[in-house]
Amino acid sequence: MQSSRRPGYAVGICFMFFWVCGVSWIGIMAVQSGAPLFFAFAAFGMAVLGIMAIVSFVRQIHAPQELPLVTRHTTYSGASPTEYVLSQTQGRKIVYQVPSRCPFCGAPISNEEVDWVGPLQAKCPSCMSTINVEERGFQ
């Protein structure tokens, strides 16, 4: 079950359930006792906010969990190309590497001149073409 990844949500849902029950009871008591309608509307309004919070908690529990996009960005100087590390899971590091030459114009790509335009794309400094980087997996 996905809720085990988010243990605090069950506590929040239980709290908000009791909140909704409590303020609804206060609203009903306000109506029955002949109190001004403002008090009943305020209580029922708080109940509606509690229901909205419960719905939000439930939607977050069932939403797919987002993985971090970038864990680190490393640029090496020298002959090795620039590497962009996106994730490291289960002992396997995934590295995205810019090719040494541009596939469009053939110009060499220097580590100091490469511009990242996205997590999987770099821009050639010579022709300004967008280059898809290559994935390499390491143990």
N, C-alpha and C. Protein backbone atom coordinates (compact mmCIF):
# COMPACT_ATOMS: atom_id res chain seq x y z
N MET A 1 0.83 -1.17 0.00
CA MET A 1 0.00 0.00 0.00
C MET A 1 0.88 1.25 0.00
N GLN A 2 0.53 2.24 -0.77
CA GLN A 2 1.36 3.42 -0.92
C GLN A 2 1.39 4.30 0.32
N SER A 3 0.40 4.21 1.19
CA SER A 3 0.35 5.09 2.35
C SER A 3 1.50 4.82 3.31
N SER A 4 2.15 3.65 3.23
CA SER A 4 3.28 3.37 4.10
C SER A 4 4.45 4.30 3.80
N ARG A 5 4.48 4.88 2.61
CA ARG A 5 5.53 5.85 2.29
C ARG A 5 5.26 7.20 2.93
N ARG A 6 4.02 7.43 3.35
CA ARG A 6 3.62 8.71 3.92
C ARG A 6 2.89 8.45 5.23
N PRO A 7 3.62 8.10 6.29
CA PRO A 7 2.94 7.66 7.52
C PRO A 7 2.15 8.75 8.22
N GLY A 8 2.48 10.01 8.08
CA GLY A 8 1.77 11.07 8.77
C GLY A 8 0.40 11.37 8.21
N TYR A 9 0.10 10.90 7.04
CA TYR A 9 -1.19 11.22 6.42
C TYR A 9 -2.35 10.54 7.14
N ALA A 10 -2.15 9.33 7.66
CA ALA A 10 -3.22 8.64 8.38
C ALA A 10 -3.60 9.42 9.63
N VAL A 11 -2.63 9.96 10.33
CA VAL A 11 -2.90 10.76 11.52
C VAL A 11 -3.66 12.03 11.12
N GLY A 12 -3.26 12.66 10.05
CA GLY A 12 -3.94 13.86 9.57
C GLY A 12 -5.38 13.59 9.18
N ILE A 13 -5.60 12.48 8.50
CA ILE A 13 -6.97 12.13 8.09
C ILE A 13 -7.83 11.86 9.32
N CYS A 14 -7.31 11.12 10.30
CA CYS A 14 -8.08 10.86 11.53
C CYS A 14 -8.39 12.15 12.27
N PHE A 15 -7.41 13.03 12.40
CA PHE A 15 -7.64 14.29 13.08
C PHE A 15 -8.71 15.10 12.36
N MET A 16 -8.62 15.19 11.05
CA MET A 16 -9.59 15.99 10.30
C MET A 16 -10.98 15.36 10.35
N PHE A 17 -11.07 14.03 10.42
CA PHE A 17 -12.37 13.38 10.55
C PHE A 17 -13.02 13.79 11.88
N PHE A 18 -12.26 13.73 12.96
CA PHE A 18 -12.82 14.15 14.25
C PHE A 18 -13.12 15.65 14.26
N TRP A 19 -12.33 16.43 13.58
CA TRP A 19 -12.58 17.87 13.45
C TRP A 19 -13.94 18.11 12.77
N VAL A 20 -14.16 17.42 11.66
CA VAL A 20 -15.42 17.58 10.92
C VAL A 20 -16.60 17.17 11.79
N CYS A 21 -16.47 16.04 12.49
CA CYS A 21 -17.56 15.60 13.36
C CYS A 21 -17.82 16.62 14.47
N GLY A 22 -16.76 17.13 15.07
CA GLY A 22 -16.91 18.07 16.18
C GLY A 22 -17.55 19.38 15.75
N VAL A 23 -17.05 19.98 14.68
CA VAL A 23 -17.62 21.27 14.27
C VAL A 23 -19.00 21.10 13.67
N SER A 24 -19.29 19.95 13.08
CA SER A 24 -20.66 19.71 12.60
C SER A 24 -21.62 19.63 13.78
N TRP A 25 -21.19 18.95 14.84
CA TRP A 25 -22.01 18.86 16.04
C TRP A 25 -22.25 20.24 16.64
N ILE A 26 -21.19 21.07 16.65
CA ILE A 26 -21.35 22.44 17.15
C ILE A 26 -22.35 23.21 16.29
N GLY A 27 -22.29 23.05 14.99
CA GLY A 27 -23.23 23.72 14.09
C GLY A 27 -24.66 23.27 14.32
N ILE A 28 -24.84 21.96 14.51
CA ILE A 28 -26.19 21.43 14.76
C ILE A 28 -26.72 21.96 16.09
N MET A 29 -25.87 21.98 17.09
CA MET A 29 -26.28 22.49 18.41
C MET A 29 -26.62 23.98 18.33
N ALA A 30 -25.87 24.73 17.52
CA ALA A 30 -26.15 26.16 17.37
C ALA A 30 -27.52 26.38 16.74
N VAL A 31 -27.86 25.56 15.75
CA VAL A 31 -29.17 25.69 15.10
C VAL A 31 -30.28 25.31 16.07
N GLN A 32 -30.09 24.21 16.81
CA GLN A 32 -31.13 23.75 17.72
C GLN A 32 -31.34 24.68 18.92
N SER A 33 -30.28 25.34 19.35
CA SER A 33 -30.41 26.20 20.53
C SER A 33 -30.94 27.58 20.18
N GLY A 34 -31.08 27.89 18.92
CA GLY A 34 -31.59 29.19 18.52
C GLY A 34 -30.53 30.28 18.50
N ALA A 35 -29.26 29.91 18.48
CA ALA A 35 -28.18 30.89 18.40
C ALA A 35 -28.23 31.58 17.05
N PRO A 36 -27.59 32.75 16.95
CA PRO A 36 -27.56 33.42 15.64
C PRO A 36 -27.00 32.49 14.56
N LEU A 37 -27.55 32.60 13.36
CA LEU A 37 -27.14 31.71 12.26
C LEU A 37 -25.67 31.85 11.90
N PHE A 38 -25.06 32.97 12.25
CA PHE A 38 -23.64 33.14 11.97
C PHE A 38 -22.82 32.02 12.59
N PHE A 39 -23.14 31.64 13.83
CA PHE A 39 -22.38 30.58 14.51
C PHE A 39 -22.55 29.24 13.82
N ALA A 40 -23.75 28.95 13.37
CA ALA A 40 -23.98 27.69 12.65
C ALA A 40 -23.24 27.70 11.31
N PHE A 41 -23.31 28.82 10.58
CA PHE A 41 -22.60 28.91 9.30
C PHE A 41 -21.09 28.80 9.48
N ALA A 42 -20.57 29.42 10.54
CA ALA A 42 -19.13 29.34 10.81
C ALA A 42 -18.73 27.90 11.09
N ALA A 43 -19.52 27.19 11.89
CA ALA A 43 -19.20 25.80 12.22
C ALA A 43 -19.28 24.91 10.98
N PHE A 44 -20.34 25.08 10.19
CA PHE A 44 -20.46 24.26 8.98
C PHE A 44 -19.38 24.62 7.95
N GLY A 45 -18.97 25.88 7.93
CA GLY A 45 -17.87 26.28 7.04
C GLY A 45 -16.57 25.60 7.44
N MET A 46 -16.32 25.51 8.75
CA MET A 46 -15.12 24.81 9.22
C MET A 46 -15.21 23.32 8.90
N ALA A 47 -16.40 22.75 8.92
CA ALA A 47 -16.58 21.34 8.56
C ALA A 47 -16.25 21.13 7.08
N VAL A 48 -16.69 22.06 6.25
CA VAL A 48 -16.40 21.95 4.81
C VAL A 48 -14.89 22.04 4.58
N LEU A 49 -14.21 22.94 5.29
CA LEU A 49 -12.75 23.02 5.15
C LEU A 49 -12.08 21.72 5.60
N GLY A 50 -12.62 21.10 6.65
CA GLY A 50 -12.08 19.82 7.10
C GLY A 50 -12.27 18.73 6.06
N ILE A 51 -13.43 18.71 5.42
CA ILE A 51 -13.68 17.72 4.37
C ILE A 51 -12.72 17.95 3.20
N MET A 52 -12.48 19.20 2.86
CA MET A 52 -11.53 19.51 1.78
C MET A 52 -10.13 19.04 2.15
N ALA A 53 -9.75 19.19 3.42
CA ALA A 53 -8.43 18.71 3.85
C ALA A 53 -8.34 17.20 3.77
N ILE A 54 -9.40 16.50 4.14
CA ILE A 54 -9.40 15.03 4.05
C ILE A 54 -9.25 14.60 2.60
N VAL A 55 -9.99 15.24 1.71
CA VAL A 55 -9.89 14.90 0.28
C VAL A 55 -8.47 15.16 -0.23
N SER A 56 -7.87 16.25 0.22
CA SER A 56 -6.50 16.56 -0.19
C SER A 56 -5.52 15.51 0.31
N PHE A 57 -5.67 15.08 1.56
CA PHE A 57 -4.80 14.03 2.09
C PHE A 57 -4.94 12.74 1.29
N VAL A 58 -6.17 12.36 1.00
CA VAL A 58 -6.40 11.10 0.27
C VAL A 58 -5.83 11.19 -1.14
N ARG A 59 -5.98 12.33 -1.79
CA ARG A 59 -5.44 12.49 -3.14
C ARG A 59 -3.92 12.43 -3.13
N GLN A 60 -3.29 12.98 -2.09
CA GLN A 60 -1.83 12.95 -2.02
C GLN A 60 -1.31 11.55 -1.74
N ILE A 61 -2.08 10.76 -0.98
CA ILE A 61 -1.66 9.39 -0.71
C ILE A 61 -1.67 8.57 -1.99
N HIS A 62 -2.68 8.76 -2.81
CA HIS A 62 -2.82 7.95 -4.03
C HIS A 62 -2.11 8.54 -5.24
N ALA A 63 -1.53 9.72 -5.09
CA ALA A 63 -0.78 10.31 -6.21
C ALA A 63 0.56 9.60 -6.35
N PRO A 64 1.06 9.46 -7.56
CA PRO A 64 2.38 8.84 -7.71
C PRO A 64 3.45 9.70 -7.05
N GLN A 65 4.36 9.04 -6.37
CA GLN A 65 5.40 9.77 -5.67
C GLN A 65 6.46 10.21 -6.67
N GLU A 66 6.80 11.48 -6.61
CA GLU A 66 7.78 12.03 -7.53
C GLU A 66 9.19 11.72 -7.04
N LEU A 67 10.03 11.32 -7.95
CA LEU A 67 11.43 11.08 -7.63
C LEU A 67 12.21 12.36 -7.83
N PRO A 68 13.26 12.56 -7.09
CA PRO A 68 14.04 13.77 -7.32
C PRO A 68 14.65 13.76 -8.70
N LEU A 69 14.55 14.89 -9.40
CA LEU A 69 15.01 14.95 -10.79
C LEU A 69 16.53 14.98 -10.85
N VAL A 70 17.15 15.79 -10.05
CA VAL A 70 18.60 15.95 -10.12
C VAL A 70 19.16 15.78 -8.72
N THR A 71 20.10 14.86 -8.56
CA THR A 71 20.74 14.70 -7.27
C THR A 71 22.04 15.49 -7.19
N ARG A 72 22.73 15.62 -8.29
CA ARG A 72 23.92 16.46 -8.31
C ARG A 72 24.30 16.77 -9.76
N HIS A 73 25.05 17.81 -9.96
CA HIS A 73 25.53 18.23 -11.27
C HIS A 73 27.03 18.36 -11.17
N THR A 74 27.74 17.59 -11.97
CA THR A 74 29.19 17.59 -11.89
C THR A 74 29.77 17.92 -13.25
N THR A 75 30.71 18.84 -13.29
CA THR A 75 31.43 19.15 -14.51
C THR A 75 32.90 18.86 -14.27
N TYR A 76 33.48 18.02 -15.11
CA TYR A 76 34.88 17.65 -14.97
C TYR A 76 35.71 18.48 -15.94
N SER A 77 36.87 18.88 -15.51
CA SER A 77 37.78 19.58 -16.42
C SER A 77 38.72 18.54 -17.03
N GLY A 78 39.29 18.86 -18.14
CA GLY A 78 40.20 17.94 -18.80
C GLY A 78 39.55 17.29 -19.99
N ALA A 79 39.99 16.06 -20.32
CA ALA A 79 39.54 15.40 -21.54
C ALA A 79 38.20 14.69 -21.38
N SER A 80 37.78 14.42 -20.16
CA SER A 80 36.53 13.68 -20.02
C SER A 80 35.34 14.61 -20.23
N PRO A 81 34.30 14.11 -20.87
CA PRO A 81 33.14 14.96 -21.15
C PRO A 81 32.35 15.28 -19.88
N THR A 82 31.48 16.25 -20.01
CA THR A 82 30.63 16.65 -18.89
C THR A 82 29.63 15.55 -18.58
N GLU A 83 29.39 15.30 -17.31
CA GLU A 83 28.44 14.29 -16.90
C GLU A 83 27.36 14.93 -16.05
N TYR A 84 26.18 14.46 -16.22
CA TYR A 84 25.02 14.97 -15.49
C TYR A 84 24.39 13.78 -14.80
N VAL A 85 24.49 13.68 -13.49
CA VAL A 85 23.99 12.53 -12.75
C VAL A 85 22.57 12.83 -12.31
N LEU A 86 21.61 12.00 -12.76
CA LEU A 86 20.21 12.24 -12.45
C LEU A 86 19.72 11.44 -11.25
N SER A 87 20.15 10.22 -11.10
CA SER A 87 19.64 9.45 -9.97
C SER A 87 20.62 8.37 -9.60
N GLN A 88 20.50 7.94 -8.36
CA GLN A 88 21.32 6.85 -7.87
C GLN A 88 20.39 5.95 -7.06
N THR A 89 20.00 4.81 -7.64
CA THR A 89 19.06 3.92 -6.98
C THR A 89 19.62 2.51 -6.95
N GLN A 90 19.44 1.84 -5.85
CA GLN A 90 19.82 0.45 -5.66
C GLN A 90 21.25 0.18 -6.10
N GLY A 91 22.17 1.06 -5.74
CA GLY A 91 23.57 0.85 -6.05
C GLY A 91 23.96 1.12 -7.49
N ARG A 92 23.03 1.52 -8.33
CA ARG A 92 23.32 1.79 -9.74
C ARG A 92 23.20 3.28 -9.98
N LYS A 93 24.26 3.88 -10.45
CA LYS A 93 24.26 5.30 -10.74
C LYS A 93 24.02 5.50 -12.23
N ILE A 94 23.04 6.34 -12.56
CA ILE A 94 22.75 6.64 -13.96
C ILE A 94 23.41 7.98 -14.29
N VAL A 95 24.25 7.98 -15.31
CA VAL A 95 24.99 9.17 -15.71
C VAL A 95 24.62 9.51 -17.14
N TYR A 96 24.35 10.79 -17.38
CA TYR A 96 24.07 11.26 -18.73
C TYR A 96 25.28 12.06 -19.18
N GLN A 97 25.80 11.71 -20.35
CA GLN A 97 27.06 12.27 -20.83
C GLN A 97 26.86 12.95 -22.18
N VAL A 98 27.44 14.14 -22.30
CA VAL A 98 27.41 14.87 -23.56
C VAL A 98 28.42 14.24 -24.50
N PRO A 99 28.06 14.03 -25.77
CA PRO A 99 29.05 13.48 -26.71
C PRO A 99 30.22 14.44 -26.91
N SER A 100 31.35 13.89 -27.31
CA SER A 100 32.54 14.72 -27.49
C SER A 100 32.45 15.62 -28.72
N ARG A 101 31.62 15.25 -29.70
CA ARG A 101 31.41 16.06 -30.89
C ARG A 101 29.92 16.26 -31.12
N CYS A 102 29.55 17.39 -31.67
CA CYS A 102 28.16 17.70 -31.97
C CYS A 102 27.68 16.82 -33.12
N PRO A 103 26.55 16.15 -32.99
CA PRO A 103 26.06 15.31 -34.10
C PRO A 103 25.54 16.12 -35.28
N PHE A 104 25.31 17.43 -35.12
CA PHE A 104 24.78 18.25 -36.20
C PHE A 104 25.88 18.94 -37.00
N CYS A 105 26.81 19.60 -36.31
CA CYS A 105 27.85 20.34 -37.03
C CYS A 105 29.22 19.69 -36.95
N GLY A 106 29.39 18.71 -36.07
CA GLY A 106 30.67 18.01 -35.95
C GLY A 106 31.70 18.74 -35.12
N ALA A 107 31.36 19.88 -34.56
CA ALA A 107 32.32 20.65 -33.75
C ALA A 107 32.56 19.95 -32.42
N PRO A 108 33.80 20.04 -31.93
CA PRO A 108 34.07 19.45 -30.61
C PRO A 108 33.33 20.23 -29.52
N ILE A 109 32.88 19.51 -28.51
CA ILE A 109 32.16 20.14 -27.40
C ILE A 109 33.10 20.14 -26.20
N SER A 110 33.40 21.34 -25.72
CA SER A 110 34.29 21.50 -24.57
C SER A 110 33.48 21.50 -23.28
N ASN A 111 34.08 20.99 -22.22
CA ASN A 111 33.41 20.96 -20.92
C ASN A 111 33.05 22.36 -20.44
N GLU A 112 33.89 23.32 -20.71
CA GLU A 112 33.67 24.66 -20.21
C GLU A 112 32.59 25.41 -21.00
N GLU A 113 32.28 24.98 -22.21
CA GLU A 113 31.36 25.72 -23.06
C GLU A 113 29.97 25.12 -23.15
N VAL A 114 29.75 23.92 -22.60
CA VAL A 114 28.45 23.28 -22.75
C VAL A 114 27.43 23.97 -21.84
N ASP A 115 26.23 24.17 -22.39
CA ASP A 115 25.12 24.74 -21.64
C ASP A 115 24.02 23.70 -21.54
N TRP A 116 23.57 23.42 -20.31
CA TRP A 116 22.48 22.48 -20.11
C TRP A 116 21.17 23.22 -20.29
N VAL A 117 20.32 22.71 -21.19
CA VAL A 117 19.02 23.33 -21.42
C VAL A 117 17.90 22.48 -20.80
N GLY A 118 18.23 21.36 -20.26
CA GLY A 118 17.27 20.48 -19.61
C GLY A 118 18.01 19.34 -18.98
N PRO A 119 17.31 18.48 -18.26
CA PRO A 119 17.99 17.38 -17.60
C PRO A 119 18.60 16.36 -18.57
N LEU A 120 18.09 16.30 -19.77
CA LEU A 120 18.61 15.33 -20.74
C LEU A 120 19.05 15.99 -22.04
N GLN A 121 19.26 17.30 -22.04
CA GLN A 121 19.64 17.99 -23.26
C GLN A 121 20.67 19.08 -22.95
N ALA A 122 21.60 19.22 -23.89
CA ALA A 122 22.61 20.27 -23.81
C ALA A 122 22.59 21.03 -25.12
N LYS A 123 23.17 22.22 -25.11
CA LYS A 123 23.19 23.06 -26.32
C LYS A 123 24.62 23.12 -26.84
N CYS A 124 24.78 22.89 -28.15
CA CYS A 124 26.09 22.98 -28.79
C CYS A 124 26.51 24.45 -28.82
N PRO A 125 27.72 24.76 -28.35
CA PRO A 125 28.16 26.15 -28.36
C PRO A 125 28.44 26.69 -29.76
N SER A 126 28.64 25.80 -30.74
CA SER A 126 28.95 26.27 -32.10
C SER A 126 27.70 26.56 -32.91
N CYS A 127 26.81 25.58 -33.03
CA CYS A 127 25.64 25.74 -33.89
C CYS A 127 24.35 25.98 -33.11
N MET A 128 24.41 25.97 -31.80
CA MET A 128 23.27 26.19 -30.90
C MET A 128 22.16 25.15 -31.06
N SER A 129 22.51 23.97 -31.58
CA SER A 129 21.55 22.87 -31.69
C SER A 129 21.40 22.20 -30.34
N THR A 130 20.23 21.66 -30.10
CA THR A 130 19.98 20.93 -28.87
C THR A 130 20.42 19.49 -29.07
N ILE A 131 21.27 19.02 -28.19
CA ILE A 131 21.86 17.69 -28.28
C ILE A 131 21.26 16.83 -27.18
N ASN A 132 20.78 15.66 -27.53
CA ASN A 132 20.35 14.71 -26.53
C ASN A 132 21.57 14.02 -25.95
N VAL A 133 21.63 13.95 -24.64
CA VAL A 133 22.78 13.34 -24.00
C VAL A 133 22.61 11.82 -23.96
N GLU A 134 23.70 11.11 -23.76
CA GLU A 134 23.69 9.66 -23.77
C GLU A 134 23.65 9.14 -22.34
N GLU A 135 22.88 8.09 -22.11
CA GLU A 135 22.78 7.49 -20.78
C GLU A 135 23.82 6.40 -20.62
N ARG A 136 24.49 6.44 -19.49
CA ARG A 136 25.42 5.37 -19.13
C ARG A 136 25.11 4.95 -17.71
N GLY A 137 25.10 3.67 -17.47
CA GLY A 137 24.84 3.15 -16.13
C GLY A 137 26.11 2.62 -15.52
N PHE A 138 26.35 2.93 -14.25
CA PHE A 138 27.51 2.44 -13.52
C PHE A 138 27.04 1.69 -12.29
N GLN A 139 27.85 0.78 -11.84
CA GLN A 139 27.53 0.05 -10.60
C GLN A 139 28.16 0.73 -9.42
